[in-house]
Amino acid sequence: MYYNNNFPESFFRKGHSTLTWGTVLLGSVLFFLAIFIFAYPALIAYFIAAIILFAGLFTLAIGWKLWQFRNAINKLDRLEGEPFHNRSSGTDHSRFTYIRW
């Protein structure tokens, strides 16, 4: 009797092989990292300093984007409160086309 098997046999072998190699690679990286930390104890401080540095840069980038967003919102608010005839031609973005049927 023939069973409809949607997964070929090599599907599970490939997944297991990938999982095994990933685990071996992670273990070897952690092992060599531990050797480097034992050899150079100041390396821990460098890692912590790098994490703090990247967290600070990430926070500054988010703050800059929020600052730009706030300026854009303020510009839109100023346009809304300004009378139409006092606006410069560069801020006239509202064009309407009326079609009568």
PDB file of N, CA and C in Angstrom:
ATOM      1  N   MET A   1       0.843  -1.170   0.000  1.00  0.00           N
ATOM      2  CA  MET A   1       0.000   0.000   0.000  1.00  0.00           C
ATOM      3  C   MET A   1       0.893   1.240   0.000  1.00  0.00           C
ATOM      4  N   TYR A   2       0.505   2.224  -0.780  1.00  0.00           N
ATOM      5  CA  TYR A   2       1.300   3.447  -0.927  1.00  0.00           C
ATOM      6  C   TYR A   2       0.696   4.542  -0.046  1.00  0.00           C
ATOM      7  N   TYR A   3       1.511   5.120   0.825  1.00  0.00           N
ATOM      8  CA  TYR A   3       1.071   6.229   1.670  1.00  0.00           C
ATOM      9  C   TYR A   3       1.553   7.537   1.067  1.00  0.00           C
ATOM     10  N   ASN A   4       0.699   8.539   1.108  1.00  0.00           N
ATOM     11  CA  ASN A   4       1.059   9.854   0.569  1.00  0.00           C
ATOM     12  C   ASN A   4       1.879  10.592   1.619  1.00  0.00           C
ATOM     13  N   ASN A   5       3.170  10.627   1.448  1.00  0.00           N
ATOM     14  CA  ASN A   5       4.081  11.285   2.380  1.00  0.00           C
ATOM     15  C   ASN A   5       4.530  12.596   1.743  1.00  0.00           C
ATOM     16  N   ASN A   6       4.124  13.715   2.321  1.00  0.00           N
ATOM     17  CA  ASN A   6       4.465  15.023   1.760  1.00  0.00           C
ATOM     18  C   ASN A   6       5.901  15.433   2.042  1.00  0.00           C
ATOM     19  N   PHE A   7       6.519  14.840   3.039  1.00  0.00           N
ATOM     20  CA  PHE A   7       7.882  15.205   3.400  1.00  0.00           C
ATOM     21  C   PHE A   7       8.839  14.123   2.906  1.00  0.00           C
ATOM     22  N   PRO A   8       9.826  14.514   2.124  1.00  0.00           N
ATOM     23  CA  PRO A   8      10.821  13.504   1.731  1.00  0.00           C
ATOM     24  C   PRO A   8      11.671  13.127   2.938  1.00  0.00           C
ATOM     25  N   GLU A   9      12.336  11.990   2.836  1.00  0.00           N
ATOM     26  CA  GLU A   9      13.123  11.533   3.982  1.00  0.00           C
ATOM     27  C   GLU A   9      14.284  12.452   4.289  1.00  0.00           C
ATOM     28  N   SER A  10      14.831  13.090   3.288  1.00  0.00           N
ATOM     29  CA  SER A  10      15.982  13.952   3.514  1.00  0.00           C
ATOM     30  C   SER A  10      15.587  15.253   4.222  1.00  0.00           C
ATOM     31  N   PHE A  11      14.280  15.553   4.276  1.00  0.00           N
ATOM     32  CA  PHE A  11      13.818  16.777   4.935  1.00  0.00           C
ATOM     33  C   PHE A  11      14.233  16.792   6.400  1.00  0.00           C
ATOM     34  N   PHE A  12      14.016  15.689   7.102  1.00  0.00           N
ATOM     35  CA  PHE A  12      14.358  15.637   8.523  1.00  0.00           C
ATOM     36  C   PHE A  12      15.867  15.532   8.725  1.00  0.00           C
ATOM     37  N   ARG A  13      16.551  14.874   7.810  1.00  0.00           N
ATOM     38  CA  ARG A  13      18.004  14.787   7.920  1.00  0.00           C
ATOM     39  C   ARG A  13      18.651  16.151   7.742  1.00  0.00           C
ATOM     40  N   LYS A  14      18.146  16.948   6.797  1.00  0.00           N
ATOM     41  CA  LYS A  14      18.714  18.284   6.571  1.00  0.00           C
ATOM     42  C   LYS A  14      18.449  19.193   7.768  1.00  0.00           C
ATOM     43  N   GLY A  15      17.244  19.133   8.320  1.00  0.00           N
ATOM     44  CA  GLY A  15      16.927  19.956   9.489  1.00  0.00           C
ATOM     45  C   GLY A  15      17.783  19.580  10.687  1.00  0.00           C
ATOM     46  N   HIS A  16      17.973  18.268  10.887  1.00  0.00           N
ATOM     47  CA  HIS A  16      18.799  17.820  12.004  1.00  0.00           C
ATOM     48  C   HIS A  16      20.249  18.214  11.790  1.00  0.00           C
ATOM     49  N   SER A  17      20.714  18.114  10.565  1.00  0.00           N
ATOM     50  CA  SER A  17      22.090  18.487  10.266  1.00  0.00           C
ATOM     51  C   SER A  17      22.318  19.978  10.510  1.00  0.00           C
ATOM     52  N   THR A  18      21.359  20.809  10.096  1.00  0.00           N
ATOM     53  CA  THR A  18      21.475  22.253  10.305  1.00  0.00           C
ATOM     54  C   THR A  18      21.458  22.590  11.792  1.00  0.00           C
ATOM     55  N   LEU A  19      20.578  21.951  12.535  1.00  0.00           N
ATOM     56  CA  LEU A  19      20.502  22.194  13.975  1.00  0.00           C
ATOM     57  C   LEU A  19      21.782  21.754  14.666  1.00  0.00           C
ATOM     58  N   THR A  20      22.333  20.617  14.245  1.00  0.00           N
ATOM     59  CA  THR A  20      23.563  20.115  14.849  1.00  0.00           C
ATOM     60  C   THR A  20      24.736  21.058  14.568  1.00  0.00           C
ATOM     61  N   TRP A  21      24.894  21.477  13.307  1.00  0.00           N
ATOM     62  CA  TRP A  21      26.003  22.371  12.979  1.00  0.00           C
ATOM     63  C   TRP A  21      25.844  23.732  13.651  1.00  0.00           C
ATOM     64  N   GLY A  22      24.623  24.217  13.771  1.00  0.00           N
ATOM     65  CA  GLY A  22      24.405  25.482  14.470  1.00  0.00           C
ATOM     66  C   GLY A  22      24.797  25.388  15.928  1.00  0.00           C
ATOM     67  N   THR A  23      24.452  24.272  16.566  1.00  0.00           N
ATOM     68  CA  THR A  23      24.809  24.073  17.975  1.00  0.00           C
ATOM     69  C   THR A  23      26.318  23.955  18.144  1.00  0.00           C
ATOM     70  N   VAL A  24      26.976  23.218  17.249  1.00  0.00           N
ATOM     71  CA  VAL A  24      28.430  23.069  17.319  1.00  0.00           C
ATOM     72  C   VAL A  24      29.113  24.423  17.098  1.00  0.00           C
ATOM     73  N   LEU A  25      28.627  25.190  16.148  1.00  0.00           N
ATOM     74  CA  LEU A  25      29.214  26.508  15.883  1.00  0.00           C
ATOM     75  C   LEU A  25      29.042  27.443  17.081  1.00  0.00           C
ATOM     76  N   LEU A  26      27.842  27.476  17.657  1.00  0.00           N
ATOM     77  CA  LEU A  26      27.600  28.317  18.830  1.00  0.00           C
ATOM     78  C   LEU A  26      28.479  27.885  19.999  1.00  0.00           C
ATOM     79  N   GLY A  27      28.582  26.585  20.223  1.00  0.00           N
ATOM     80  CA  GLY A  27      29.424  26.082  21.312  1.00  0.00           C
ATOM     81  C   GLY A  27      30.887  26.441  21.123  1.00  0.00           C
ATOM     82  N   SER A  28      31.374  26.347  19.889  1.00  0.00           N
ATOM     83  CA  SER A  28      32.783  26.683  19.655  1.00  0.00           C
ATOM     84  C   SER A  28      33.034  28.182  19.810  1.00  0.00           C
ATOM     85  N   VAL A  29      32.097  29.001  19.366  1.00  0.00           N
ATOM     86  CA  VAL A  29      32.253  30.451  19.541  1.00  0.00           C
ATOM     87  C   VAL A  29      32.261  30.799  21.030  1.00  0.00           C
ATOM     88  N   LEU A  30      31.336  30.208  21.798  1.00  0.00           N
ATOM     89  CA  LEU A  30      31.311  30.477  23.240  1.00  0.00           C
ATOM     90  C   LEU A  30      32.575  29.965  23.927  1.00  0.00           C
ATOM     91  N   PHE A  31      33.085  28.815  23.494  1.00  0.00           N
ATOM     92  CA  PHE A  31      34.319  28.269  24.080  1.00  0.00           C
ATOM     93  C   PHE A  31      35.501  29.203  23.844  1.00  0.00           C
ATOM     94  N   PHE A  32      35.672  29.664  22.590  1.00  0.00           N
ATOM     95  CA  PHE A  32      36.784  30.574  22.298  1.00  0.00           C
ATOM     96  C   PHE A  32      36.596  31.932  22.970  1.00  0.00           C
ATOM     97  N   LEU A  33      35.360  32.372  23.104  1.00  0.00           N
ATOM     98  CA  LEU A  33      35.103  33.611  23.835  1.00  0.00           C
ATOM     99  C   LEU A  33      35.512  33.466  25.299  1.00  0.00           C
ATOM    100  N   ALA A  34      35.212  32.317  25.888  1.00  0.00           N
ATOM    101  CA  ALA A  34      35.617  32.080  27.280  1.00  0.00           C
ATOM    102  C   ALA A  34      37.137  32.053  27.406  1.00  0.00           C
ATOM    103  N   ILE A  35      37.818  31.461  26.446  1.00  0.00           N
ATOM    104  CA  ILE A  35      39.297  31.443  26.486  1.00  0.00           C
ATOM    105  C   ILE A  35      39.835  32.865  26.397  1.00  0.00           C
ATOM    106  N   PHE A  36      39.277  33.667  25.489  1.00  0.00           N
ATOM    107  CA  PHE A  36      39.734  35.054  25.365  1.00  0.00           C
ATOM    108  C   PHE A  36      39.461  35.849  26.634  1.00  0.00           C
ATOM    109  N   ILE A  37      38.339  35.612  27.277  1.00  0.00           N
ATOM    110  CA  ILE A  37      38.024  36.353  28.500  1.00  0.00           C
ATOM    111  C   ILE A  37      38.972  35.946  29.629  1.00  0.00           C
ATOM    112  N   PHE A  38      39.307  34.638  29.715  1.00  0.00           N
ATOM    113  CA  PHE A  38      40.273  34.223  30.737  1.00  0.00           C
ATOM    114  C   PHE A  38      41.659  34.781  30.431  1.00  0.00           C
ATOM    115  N   ALA A  39      42.020  34.865  29.171  1.00  0.00           N
ATOM    116  CA  ALA A  39      43.341  35.375  28.811  1.00  0.00           C
ATOM    117  C   ALA A  39      43.414  36.889  28.983  1.00  0.00           C
ATOM    118  N   TYR A  40      42.332  37.567  28.617  1.00  0.00           N
ATOM    119  CA  TYR A  40      42.276  39.031  28.695  1.00  0.00           C
ATOM    120  C   TYR A  40      41.039  39.447  29.501  1.00  0.00           C
ATOM    121  N   PRO A  41      41.146  39.561  30.814  1.00  0.00           N
ATOM    122  CA  PRO A  41      39.976  39.892  31.632  1.00  0.00           C
ATOM    123  C   PRO A  41      39.373  41.261  31.312  1.00  0.00           C
ATOM    124  N   ALA A  42      40.165  42.144  30.739  1.00  0.00           N
ATOM    125  CA  ALA A  42      39.629  43.461  30.375  1.00  0.00           C
ATOM    126  C   ALA A  42      38.648  43.366  29.211  1.00  0.00           C
ATOM    127  N   LEU A  43      38.623  42.201  28.555  1.00  0.00           N
ATOM    128  CA  LEU A  43      37.712  41.999  27.439  1.00  0.00           C
ATOM    129  C   LEU A  43      36.250  42.100  27.880  1.00  0.00           C
ATOM    130  N   ILE A  44      35.959  41.692  29.089  1.00  0.00           N
ATOM    131  CA  ILE A  44      34.590  41.804  29.620  1.00  0.00           C
ATOM    132  C   ILE A  44      34.180  43.271  29.671  1.00  0.00           C
ATOM    133  N   ALA A  45      35.079  44.113  30.137  1.00  0.00           N
ATOM    134  CA  ALA A  45      34.780  45.543  30.209  1.00  0.00           C
ATOM    135  C   ALA A  45      34.574  46.121  28.809  1.00  0.00           C
ATOM    136  N   TYR A  46      35.351  45.644  27.839  1.00  0.00           N
ATOM    137  CA  TYR A  46      35.169  46.126  26.462  1.00  0.00           C
ATOM    138  C   TYR A  46      33.810  45.719  25.915  1.00  0.00           C
ATOM    139  N   PHE A  47      33.383  44.497  26.195  1.00  0.00           N
ATOM    140  CA  PHE A  47      32.065  44.048  25.735  1.00  0.00           C
ATOM    141  C   PHE A  47      30.951  44.873  26.362  1.00  0.00           C
ATOM    142  N   ILE A  48      31.060  45.111  27.660  1.00  0.00           N
ATOM    143  CA  ILE A  48      30.030  45.909  28.344  1.00  0.00           C
ATOM    144  C   ILE A  48      30.033  47.337  27.805  1.00  0.00           C
ATOM    145  N   ALA A  49      31.218  47.894  27.588  1.00  0.00           N
ATOM    146  CA  ALA A  49      31.308  49.247  27.040  1.00  0.00           C
ATOM    147  C   ALA A  49      30.735  49.304  25.625  1.00  0.00           C
ATOM    148  N   ALA A  50      30.963  48.269  24.826  1.00  0.00           N
ATOM    149  CA  ALA A  50      30.412  48.242  23.468  1.00  0.00           C
ATOM    150  C   ALA A  50      28.893  48.167  23.499  1.00  0.00           C
ATOM    151  N   ILE A  51      28.335  47.385  24.411  1.00  0.00           N
ATOM    152  CA  ILE A  51      26.873  47.294  24.539  1.00  0.00           C
ATOM    153  C   ILE A  51      26.292  48.640  24.941  1.00  0.00           C
ATOM    154  N   ILE A  52      26.931  49.306  25.910  1.00  0.00           N
ATOM    155  CA  ILE A  52      26.459  50.623  26.340  1.00  0.00           C
ATOM    156  C   ILE A  52      26.584  51.632  25.195  1.00  0.00           C
ATOM    157  N   LEU A  53      27.683  51.571  24.442  1.00  0.00           N
ATOM    158  CA  LEU A  53      27.882  52.480  23.315  1.00  0.00           C
ATOM    159  C   LEU A  53      26.791  52.297  22.254  1.00  0.00           C
ATOM    160  N   PHE A  54      26.526  51.055  21.869  1.00  0.00           N
ATOM    161  CA  PHE A  54      25.516  50.812  20.841  1.00  0.00           C
ATOM    162  C   PHE A  54      24.115  51.141  21.336  1.00  0.00           C
ATOM    163  N   ALA A  55      23.840  50.907  22.624  1.00  0.00           N
ATOM    164  CA  ALA A  55      22.537  51.285  23.173  1.00  0.00           C
ATOM    165  C   ALA A  55      22.369  52.803  23.147  1.00  0.00           C
ATOM    166  N   GLY A  56      23.444  53.523  23.464  1.00  0.00           N
ATOM    167  CA  GLY A  56      23.384  54.986  23.412  1.00  0.00           C
ATOM    168  C   GLY A  56      23.179  55.500  21.997  1.00  0.00           C
ATOM    169  N   LEU A  57      23.898  54.920  21.022  1.00  0.00           N
ATOM    170  CA  LEU A  57      23.719  55.337  19.632  1.00  0.00           C
ATOM    171  C   LEU A  57      22.309  55.032  19.131  1.00  0.00           C
ATOM    172  N   PHE A  58      21.789  53.877  19.510  1.00  0.00           N
ATOM    173  CA  PHE A  58      20.432  53.498  19.115  1.00  0.00           C
ATOM    174  C   PHE A  58      19.414  54.467  19.708  1.00  0.00           C
ATOM    175  N   THR A  59      19.608  54.843  20.971  1.00  0.00           N
ATOM    176  CA  THR A  59      18.702  55.777  21.619  1.00  0.00           C
ATOM    177  C   THR A  59      18.793  57.160  20.975  1.00  0.00           C
ATOM    178  N   LEU A  60      19.995  57.600  20.633  1.00  0.00           N
ATOM    179  CA  LEU A  60      20.150  58.885  19.951  1.00  0.00           C
ATOM    180  C   LEU A  60      19.477  58.882  18.577  1.00  0.00           C
ATOM    181  N   ALA A  61      19.586  57.779  17.850  1.00  0.00           N
ATOM    182  CA  ALA A  61      18.951  57.694  16.534  1.00  0.00           C
ATOM    183  C   ALA A  61      17.428  57.760  16.665  1.00  0.00           C
ATOM    184  N   ILE A  62      16.879  57.076  17.644  1.00  0.00           N
ATOM    185  CA  ILE A  62      15.424  57.129  17.865  1.00  0.00           C
ATOM    186  C   ILE A  62      15.008  58.531  18.277  1.00  0.00           C
ATOM    187  N   GLY A  63      15.785  59.163  19.149  1.00  0.00           N
ATOM    188  CA  GLY A  63      15.474  60.525  19.573  1.00  0.00           C
ATOM    189  C   GLY A  63      15.511  61.504  18.408  1.00  0.00           C
ATOM    190  N   TRP A  64      16.486  61.331  17.505  1.00  0.00           N
ATOM    191  CA  TRP A  64      16.574  62.209  16.331  1.00  0.00           C
ATOM    192  C   TRP A  64      15.362  62.037  15.439  1.00  0.00           C
ATOM    193  N   LYS A  65      14.926  60.809  15.218  1.00  0.00           N
ATOM    194  CA  LYS A  65      13.743  60.567  14.381  1.00  0.00           C
ATOM    195  C   LYS A  65      12.483  61.141  15.036  1.00  0.00           C
ATOM    196  N   LEU A  66      12.369  61.001  16.350  1.00  0.00           N
ATOM    197  CA  LEU A  66      11.217  61.576  17.050  1.00  0.00           C
ATOM    198  C   LEU A  66      11.242  63.102  16.981  1.00  0.00           C
ATOM    199  N   TRP A  67      12.429  63.700  17.043  1.00  0.00           N
ATOM    200  CA  TRP A  67      12.573  65.148  16.928  1.00  0.00           C
ATOM    201  C   TRP A  67      12.109  65.606  15.546  1.00  0.00           C
ATOM    202  N   GLN A  68      12.522  64.909  14.497  1.00  0.00           N
ATOM    203  CA  GLN A  68      12.094  65.248  13.141  1.00  0.00           C
ATOM    204  C   GLN A  68      10.583  65.092  12.987  1.00  0.00           C
ATOM    205  N   PHE A  69      10.031  64.049  13.585  1.00  0.00           N
ATOM    206  CA  PHE A  69       8.589  63.825  13.516  1.00  0.00           C
ATOM    207  C   PHE A  69       7.839  64.954  14.214  1.00  0.00           C
ATOM    208  N   ARG A  70       8.343  65.381  15.382  1.00  0.00           N
ATOM    209  CA  ARG A  70       7.710  66.480  16.095  1.00  0.00           C
ATOM    210  C   ARG A  70       7.750  67.765  15.277  1.00  0.00           C
ATOM    211  N   ASN A  71       8.883  68.044  14.616  1.00  0.00           N
ATOM    212  CA  ASN A  71       8.982  69.238  13.774  1.00  0.00           C
ATOM    213  C   ASN A  71       8.018  69.174  12.601  1.00  0.00           C
ATOM    214  N   ALA A  72       7.838  68.010  12.019  1.00  0.00           N
ATOM    215  CA  ALA A  72       6.891  67.869  10.908  1.00  0.00           C
ATOM    216  C   ALA A  72       5.462  68.100  11.388  1.00  0.00           C
ATOM    217  N   ILE A  73       5.123  67.584  12.555  1.00  0.00           N
ATOM    218  CA  ILE A  73       3.779  67.793  13.111  1.00  0.00           C
ATOM    219  C   ILE A  73       3.562  69.270  13.418  1.00  0.00           C
ATOM    220  N   ASN A  74       4.578  69.937  13.982  1.00  0.00           N
ATOM    221  CA  ASN A  74       4.450  71.365  14.272  1.00  0.00           C
ATOM    222  C   ASN A  74       4.268  72.182  12.994  1.00  0.00           C
ATOM    223  N   LYS A  75       4.969  71.801  11.937  1.00  0.00           N
ATOM    224  CA  LYS A  75       4.831  72.501  10.666  1.00  0.00           C
ATOM    225  C   LYS A  75       3.409  72.338  10.119  1.00  0.00           C
ATOM    226  N   LEU A  76       2.861  71.144  10.227  1.00  0.00           N
ATOM    227  CA  LEU A  76       1.487  70.919   9.771  1.00  0.00           C
ATOM    228  C   LEU A  76       0.482  71.692  10.622  1.00  0.00           C
ATOM    229  N   ASP A  77       0.722  71.757  11.922  1.00  0.00           N
ATOM    230  CA  ASP A  77      -0.182  72.516  12.798  1.00  0.00           C
ATOM    231  C   ASP A  77      -0.153  74.003  12.467  1.00  0.00           C
ATOM    232  N   ARG A  78       1.030  74.527  12.175  1.00  0.00           N
ATOM    233  CA  ARG A  78       1.125  75.944  11.815  1.00  0.00           C
ATOM    234  C   ARG A  78       0.411  76.218  10.497  1.00  0.00           C
ATOM    235  N   LEU A  79       0.481  75.312   9.551  1.00  0.00           N
ATOM    236  CA  LEU A  79      -0.194  75.497   8.271  1.00  0.00           C
ATOM    237  C   LEU A  79      -1.709  75.503   8.440  1.00  0.00           C
ATOM    238  N   GLU A  80      -2.195  74.683   9.357  1.00  0.00           N
ATOM    239  CA  GLU A  80      -3.632  74.574   9.562  1.00  0.00           C
ATOM    240  C   GLU A  80      -4.220  75.837  10.173  1.00  0.00           C
ATOM    241  N   GLY A  81      -3.477  76.466  11.067  1.00  0.00           N
ATOM    242  CA  GLY A  81      -3.991  77.652  11.745  1.00  0.00           C
ATOM    243  C   GLY A  81      -3.820  78.934  10.955  1.00  0.00           C
ATOM    244  N   GLU A  82      -3.026  78.903   9.914  1.00  0.00           N
ATOM    245  CA  GLU A  82      -2.740  80.096   9.125  1.00  0.00           C
ATOM    246  C   GLU A  82      -3.858  80.321   8.097  1.00  0.00           C
ATOM    247  N   PRO A  83      -4.311  81.566   7.934  1.00  0.00           N
ATOM    248  CA  PRO A  83      -5.328  81.814   6.907  1.00  0.00           C
ATOM    249  C   PRO A  83      -4.804  81.483   5.517  1.00  0.00           C
ATOM    250  N   PHE A  84      -5.721  81.076   4.647  1.00  0.00           N
ATOM    251  CA  PHE A  84      -5.323  80.594   3.328  1.00  0.00           C
ATOM    252  C   PHE A  84      -4.665  81.687   2.493  1.00  0.00           C
ATOM    253  N   HIS A  85      -5.158  82.907   2.560  1.00  0.00           N
ATOM    254  CA  HIS A  85      -4.612  83.967   1.724  1.00  0.00           C
ATOM    255  C   HIS A  85      -3.255  84.458   2.200  1.00  0.00           C
ATOM    256  N   ASN A  86      -2.842  84.150   3.432  1.00  0.00           N
ATOM    257  CA  ASN A  86      -1.522  84.544   3.930  1.00  0.00           C
ATOM    258  C   ASN A  86      -0.443  83.493   3.662  1.00  0.00           C
ATOM    259  N   ARG A  87      -0.830  82.362   3.148  1.00  0.00           N
ATOM    260  CA  ARG A  87       0.147  81.302   2.912  1.00  0.00           C
ATOM    261  C   ARG A  87       1.004  81.624   1.709  1.00  0.00           C
ATOM    262  N   SER A  88       2.250  81.172   1.780  1.00  0.00           N
ATOM    263  CA  SER A  88       3.120  81.332   0.622  1.00  0.00           C
ATOM    264  C   SER A  88       2.734  80.302  -0.434  1.00  0.00           C
ATOM    265  N   SER A  89       3.199  80.525  -1.656  1.00  0.00           N
ATOM    266  CA  SER A  89       2.814  79.615  -2.733  1.00  0.00           C
ATOM    267  C   SER A  89       3.421  78.227  -2.547  1.00  0.00           C
ATOM    268  N   GLY A  90       4.518  78.130  -1.811  1.00  0.00           N
ATOM    269  CA  GLY A  90       5.144  76.828  -1.590  1.00  0.00           C
ATOM    270  C   GLY A  90       4.351  75.936  -0.661  1.00  0.00           C
ATOM    271  N   THR A  91       3.463  76.509   0.151  1.00  0.00           N
ATOM    272  CA  THR A  91       2.698  75.695   1.090  1.00  0.00           C
ATOM    273  C   THR A  91       1.305  75.388   0.579  1.00  0.00           C
ATOM    274  N   ASP A  92       0.997  75.800  -0.628  1.00  0.00           N
ATOM    275  CA  ASP A  92      -0.339  75.553  -1.177  1.00  0.00           C
ATOM    276  C   ASP A  92      -0.356  74.152  -1.781  1.00  0.00           C
ATOM    277  N   HIS A  93      -0.735  73.184  -0.974  1.00  0.00           N
ATOM    278  CA  HIS A  93      -0.777  71.809  -1.438  1.00  0.00           C
ATOM    279  C   HIS A  93      -2.197  71.295  -1.583  1.00  0.00           C
ATOM    280  N   SER A  94      -3.168  72.114  -1.306  1.00  0.00           N
ATOM    281  CA  SER A  94      -4.538  71.623  -1.380  1.00  0.00           C
ATOM    282  C   SER A  94      -5.152  72.067  -2.703  1.00  0.00           C
ATOM    283  N   ARG A  95      -5.257  71.128  -3.608  1.00  0.00           N
ATOM    284  CA  ARG A  95      -5.886  71.401  -4.903  1.00  0.00           C
ATOM    285  C   ARG A  95      -7.070  70.465  -5.038  1.00  0.00           C
ATOM    286  N   PHE A  96      -8.187  71.003  -5.332  1.00  0.00           N
ATOM    287  CA  PHE A  96      -9.391  70.214  -5.470  1.00  0.00           C
ATOM    288  C   PHE A  96      -9.903  70.323  -6.900  1.00  0.00           C
ATOM    289  N   THR A  97     -10.383  69.247  -7.420  1.00  0.00           N
ATOM    290  CA  THR A  97     -11.012  69.244  -8.747  1.00  0.00           C
ATOM    291  C   THR A  97     -12.454  68.845  -8.529  1.00  0.00           C
ATOM    292  N   TYR A  98     -13.343  69.708  -8.929  1.00  0.00           N
ATOM    293  CA  TYR A  98     -14.770  69.436  -8.795  1.00  0.00           C
ATOM    294  C   TYR A  98     -15.326  68.987 -10.137  1.00  0.00           C
ATOM    295  N   ILE A  99     -15.997  67.885 -10.136  1.00  0.00           N
ATOM    296  CA  ILE A  99     -16.606  67.358 -11.348  1.00  0.00           C
ATOM    297  C   ILE A  99     -18.114  67.370 -11.148  1.00  0.00           C
ATOM    298  N   ARG A 100     -18.817  67.991 -12.056  1.00  0.00           N
ATOM    299  CA  ARG A 100     -20.281  68.013 -11.999  1.00  0.00           C
ATOM    300  C   ARG A 100     -20.815  67.033 -13.001  1.00  0.00           C
ATOM    301  N   TRP A 101     -21.732  66.223 -12.586  1.00  0.00           N
ATOM    302  CA  TRP A 101     -22.329  65.221 -13.453  1.00  0.00           C
ATOM    303  C   TRP A 101     -23.608  65.736 -14.050  1.00  0.00           C
TER     304      TRP A 101
END
